[in-house]
Amino acid sequence: MLKGHNVLAKARSISGHTQEHWANCMDLSVRQFRRLETGDSSISFNSLVDAMKLYGVCMVEVLTMTEHKAQDI
């Protein structure tokens, strides 16, 4: 149990972000997509691109964390 906890802590420290941060970024991109789908004219293409960049960065971090976690176990 302790080893698993240490691995998770190490993995989280790799990117310096928390899972809550990743979830917030992913949630933002999903909300931007939904607004675009409903024809919300207040959303710009640039804001959607920014949200997707955040989503992409988050996914890379999650995959990196998972890869390092698997290597350390």
N, C-alpha and C. Protein backbone atom coordinates (compact mmCIF):
# COMPACT_ATOMS: atom_id res chain seq x y z
N MET A 1 0.84 -1.21 0.00
CA MET A 1 0.00 0.00 0.00
C MET A 1 0.87 1.25 0.00
N LEU A 2 1.87 1.25 0.85
CA LEU A 2 2.74 2.43 0.93
C LEU A 2 3.48 2.63 -0.38
N LYS A 3 3.95 1.51 -0.98
CA LYS A 3 4.66 1.62 -2.24
C LYS A 3 3.76 2.23 -3.31
N GLY A 4 2.53 1.77 -3.38
CA GLY A 4 1.59 2.31 -4.35
C GLY A 4 1.36 3.80 -4.14
N HIS A 5 1.27 4.21 -2.89
CA HIS A 5 1.08 5.62 -2.56
C HIS A 5 2.29 6.43 -3.02
N ASN A 6 3.48 5.91 -2.77
CA ASN A 6 4.70 6.61 -3.17
C ASN A 6 4.80 6.75 -4.68
N VAL A 7 4.40 5.70 -5.40
CA VAL A 7 4.43 5.73 -6.87
C VAL A 7 3.50 6.81 -7.38
N LEU A 8 2.30 6.88 -6.81
CA LEU A 8 1.33 7.87 -7.23
C LEU A 8 1.84 9.29 -6.94
N ALA A 9 2.43 9.48 -5.77
CA ALA A 9 2.96 10.79 -5.41
C ALA A 9 4.07 11.19 -6.37
N LYS A 10 4.93 10.24 -6.71
CA LYS A 10 6.02 10.52 -7.64
C LYS A 10 5.47 10.87 -9.02
N ALA A 11 4.48 10.10 -9.45
CA ALA A 11 3.89 10.35 -10.76
C ALA A 11 3.24 11.72 -10.82
N ARG A 12 2.56 12.10 -9.76
CA ARG A 12 1.92 13.42 -9.73
C ARG A 12 2.95 14.54 -9.75
N SER A 13 4.11 14.31 -9.14
CA SER A 13 5.12 15.36 -9.08
C SER A 13 5.84 15.56 -10.41
N ILE A 14 5.72 14.59 -11.30
CA ILE A 14 6.40 14.70 -12.60
C ILE A 14 5.92 15.92 -13.36
N SER A 15 4.63 16.13 -13.40
CA SER A 15 4.08 17.24 -14.16
C SER A 15 3.83 18.47 -13.29
N GLY A 16 3.77 18.27 -11.99
CA GLY A 16 3.47 19.38 -11.09
C GLY A 16 2.00 19.76 -11.06
N HIS A 17 1.16 18.94 -11.68
CA HIS A 17 -0.27 19.22 -11.68
C HIS A 17 -1.01 18.14 -10.91
N THR A 18 -2.17 18.52 -10.41
CA THR A 18 -3.00 17.56 -9.69
C THR A 18 -4.08 17.01 -10.61
N GLN A 19 -4.68 15.92 -10.21
CA GLN A 19 -5.77 15.35 -11.00
C GLN A 19 -6.93 16.34 -11.11
N GLU A 20 -7.12 17.15 -10.08
CA GLU A 20 -8.20 18.15 -10.12
C GLU A 20 -7.94 19.15 -11.25
N HIS A 21 -6.69 19.54 -11.41
CA HIS A 21 -6.33 20.47 -12.48
C HIS A 21 -6.65 19.85 -13.85
N TRP A 22 -6.26 18.57 -14.02
CA TRP A 22 -6.55 17.89 -15.29
C TRP A 22 -8.05 17.84 -15.53
N ALA A 23 -8.79 17.49 -14.50
CA ALA A 23 -10.25 17.37 -14.64
C ALA A 23 -10.86 18.72 -15.01
N ASN A 24 -10.38 19.79 -14.40
CA ASN A 24 -10.90 21.12 -14.71
C ASN A 24 -10.64 21.50 -16.16
N CYS A 25 -9.43 21.21 -16.65
CA CYS A 25 -9.10 21.53 -18.03
C CYS A 25 -9.93 20.71 -19.01
N MET A 26 -10.10 19.44 -18.71
CA MET A 26 -10.89 18.59 -19.60
C MET A 26 -12.36 19.03 -19.58
N ASP A 27 -12.85 19.40 -18.41
CA ASP A 27 -14.23 19.86 -18.28
C ASP A 27 -14.43 21.13 -19.09
N LEU A 28 -13.45 22.03 -19.06
CA LEU A 28 -13.53 23.27 -19.81
C LEU A 28 -13.66 22.98 -21.31
N SER A 29 -12.85 22.08 -21.82
CA SER A 29 -12.90 21.80 -23.25
C SER A 29 -14.23 21.15 -23.64
N VAL A 30 -14.76 20.29 -22.78
CA VAL A 30 -16.05 19.65 -23.06
C VAL A 30 -17.16 20.71 -23.08
N ARG A 31 -17.12 21.63 -22.12
CA ARG A 31 -18.14 22.69 -22.09
C ARG A 31 -18.05 23.59 -23.32
N GLN A 32 -16.82 23.86 -23.77
CA GLN A 32 -16.66 24.69 -24.97
C GLN A 32 -17.27 23.99 -26.18
N PHE A 33 -17.04 22.68 -26.30
CA PHE A 33 -17.62 21.92 -27.40
C PHE A 33 -19.14 21.97 -27.36
N ARG A 34 -19.70 21.78 -26.18
CA ARG A 34 -21.16 21.77 -26.05
C ARG A 34 -21.75 23.12 -26.45
N ARG A 35 -21.08 24.20 -26.05
CA ARG A 35 -21.56 25.53 -26.42
C ARG A 35 -21.50 25.72 -27.93
N LEU A 36 -20.45 25.21 -28.55
CA LEU A 36 -20.31 25.32 -30.00
C LEU A 36 -21.41 24.52 -30.69
N GLU A 37 -21.69 23.33 -30.18
CA GLU A 37 -22.72 22.46 -30.77
C GLU A 37 -24.11 23.09 -30.71
N THR A 38 -24.37 23.86 -29.65
CA THR A 38 -25.68 24.47 -29.49
C THR A 38 -25.79 25.79 -30.26
N GLY A 39 -24.73 26.16 -30.96
CA GLY A 39 -24.76 27.38 -31.76
C GLY A 39 -24.53 28.63 -30.95
N ASP A 40 -23.93 28.52 -29.80
CA ASP A 40 -23.64 29.68 -28.95
C ASP A 40 -22.64 30.58 -29.68
N SER A 41 -23.10 31.78 -30.04
CA SER A 41 -22.26 32.68 -30.82
C SER A 41 -21.22 33.40 -29.96
N SER A 42 -21.32 33.25 -28.64
CA SER A 42 -20.36 33.94 -27.77
C SER A 42 -19.02 33.21 -27.69
N ILE A 43 -19.00 31.97 -28.20
CA ILE A 43 -17.75 31.21 -28.18
C ILE A 43 -17.02 31.43 -29.50
N SER A 44 -15.74 31.74 -29.39
CA SER A 44 -14.95 31.96 -30.60
C SER A 44 -14.15 30.71 -30.93
N PHE A 45 -13.70 30.65 -32.16
CA PHE A 45 -12.88 29.52 -32.58
C PHE A 45 -11.61 29.47 -31.74
N ASN A 46 -11.02 30.63 -31.46
CA ASN A 46 -9.78 30.69 -30.67
C ASN A 46 -9.97 30.13 -29.27
N SER A 47 -11.12 30.40 -28.65
CA SER A 47 -11.34 29.89 -27.29
C SER A 47 -11.48 28.38 -27.32
N LEU A 48 -12.07 27.85 -28.40
CA LEU A 48 -12.18 26.40 -28.53
C LEU A 48 -10.79 25.79 -28.71
N VAL A 49 -9.98 26.41 -29.55
CA VAL A 49 -8.61 25.93 -29.78
C VAL A 49 -7.83 25.95 -28.46
N ASP A 50 -7.95 27.02 -27.69
CA ASP A 50 -7.26 27.12 -26.40
C ASP A 50 -7.69 26.00 -25.47
N ALA A 51 -8.99 25.73 -25.44
CA ALA A 51 -9.51 24.66 -24.57
C ALA A 51 -8.96 23.31 -25.02
N MET A 52 -8.89 23.10 -26.32
CA MET A 52 -8.39 21.81 -26.82
C MET A 52 -6.89 21.67 -26.57
N LYS A 53 -6.15 22.77 -26.62
CA LYS A 53 -4.72 22.71 -26.28
C LYS A 53 -4.55 22.27 -24.83
N LEU A 54 -5.36 22.85 -23.94
CA LEU A 54 -5.31 22.45 -22.53
C LEU A 54 -5.64 20.97 -22.39
N TYR A 55 -6.67 20.53 -23.13
CA TYR A 55 -7.08 19.13 -23.06
C TYR A 55 -5.95 18.23 -23.53
N GLY A 56 -5.29 18.61 -24.62
CA GLY A 56 -4.17 17.82 -25.15
C GLY A 56 -3.02 17.74 -24.16
N VAL A 57 -2.68 18.86 -23.55
CA VAL A 57 -1.62 18.88 -22.56
C VAL A 57 -1.97 17.97 -21.38
N CYS A 58 -3.22 18.04 -20.95
CA CYS A 58 -3.66 17.20 -19.84
C CYS A 58 -3.56 15.72 -20.19
N MET A 59 -3.97 15.36 -21.40
CA MET A 59 -3.92 13.96 -21.79
C MET A 59 -2.48 13.45 -21.84
N VAL A 60 -1.58 14.28 -22.33
CA VAL A 60 -0.16 13.89 -22.36
C VAL A 60 0.34 13.67 -20.94
N GLU A 61 -0.05 14.55 -20.02
CA GLU A 61 0.38 14.43 -18.63
C GLU A 61 -0.18 13.16 -17.99
N VAL A 62 -1.44 12.87 -18.27
CA VAL A 62 -2.05 11.67 -17.70
C VAL A 62 -1.35 10.43 -18.24
N LEU A 63 -1.09 10.40 -19.54
CA LEU A 63 -0.41 9.25 -20.13
C LEU A 63 1.01 9.12 -19.60
N THR A 64 1.70 10.24 -19.44
CA THR A 64 3.06 10.22 -18.89
C THR A 64 3.05 9.69 -17.47
N MET A 65 2.08 10.16 -16.68
CA MET A 65 1.97 9.71 -15.30
C MET A 65 1.73 8.21 -15.26
N THR A 66 0.84 7.73 -16.13
CA THR A 66 0.52 6.31 -16.17
C THR A 66 1.73 5.49 -16.59
N GLU A 67 2.49 5.98 -17.56
CA GLU A 67 3.67 5.27 -18.04
C GLU A 67 4.72 5.16 -16.94
N HIS A 68 4.99 6.28 -16.27
CA HIS A 68 5.98 6.27 -15.19
C HIS A 68 5.52 5.40 -14.02
N LYS A 69 4.24 5.46 -13.74
CA LYS A 69 3.68 4.66 -12.65
C LYS A 69 3.88 3.17 -12.95
N ALA A 70 3.62 2.79 -14.19
CA ALA A 70 3.77 1.38 -14.58
C ALA A 70 5.22 0.94 -14.50
N GLN A 71 6.15 1.82 -14.86
CA GLN A 71 7.57 1.47 -14.84
C GLN A 71 8.08 1.29 -13.42
N ASP A 72 7.52 2.04 -12.48
CA ASP A 72 8.02 2.02 -11.10
C ASP A 72 7.47 0.87 -10.27
N ILE A 73 6.39 0.27 -10.74
CA ILE A 73 5.75 -0.79 -9.94
C ILE A 73 6.52 -2.09 -10.09
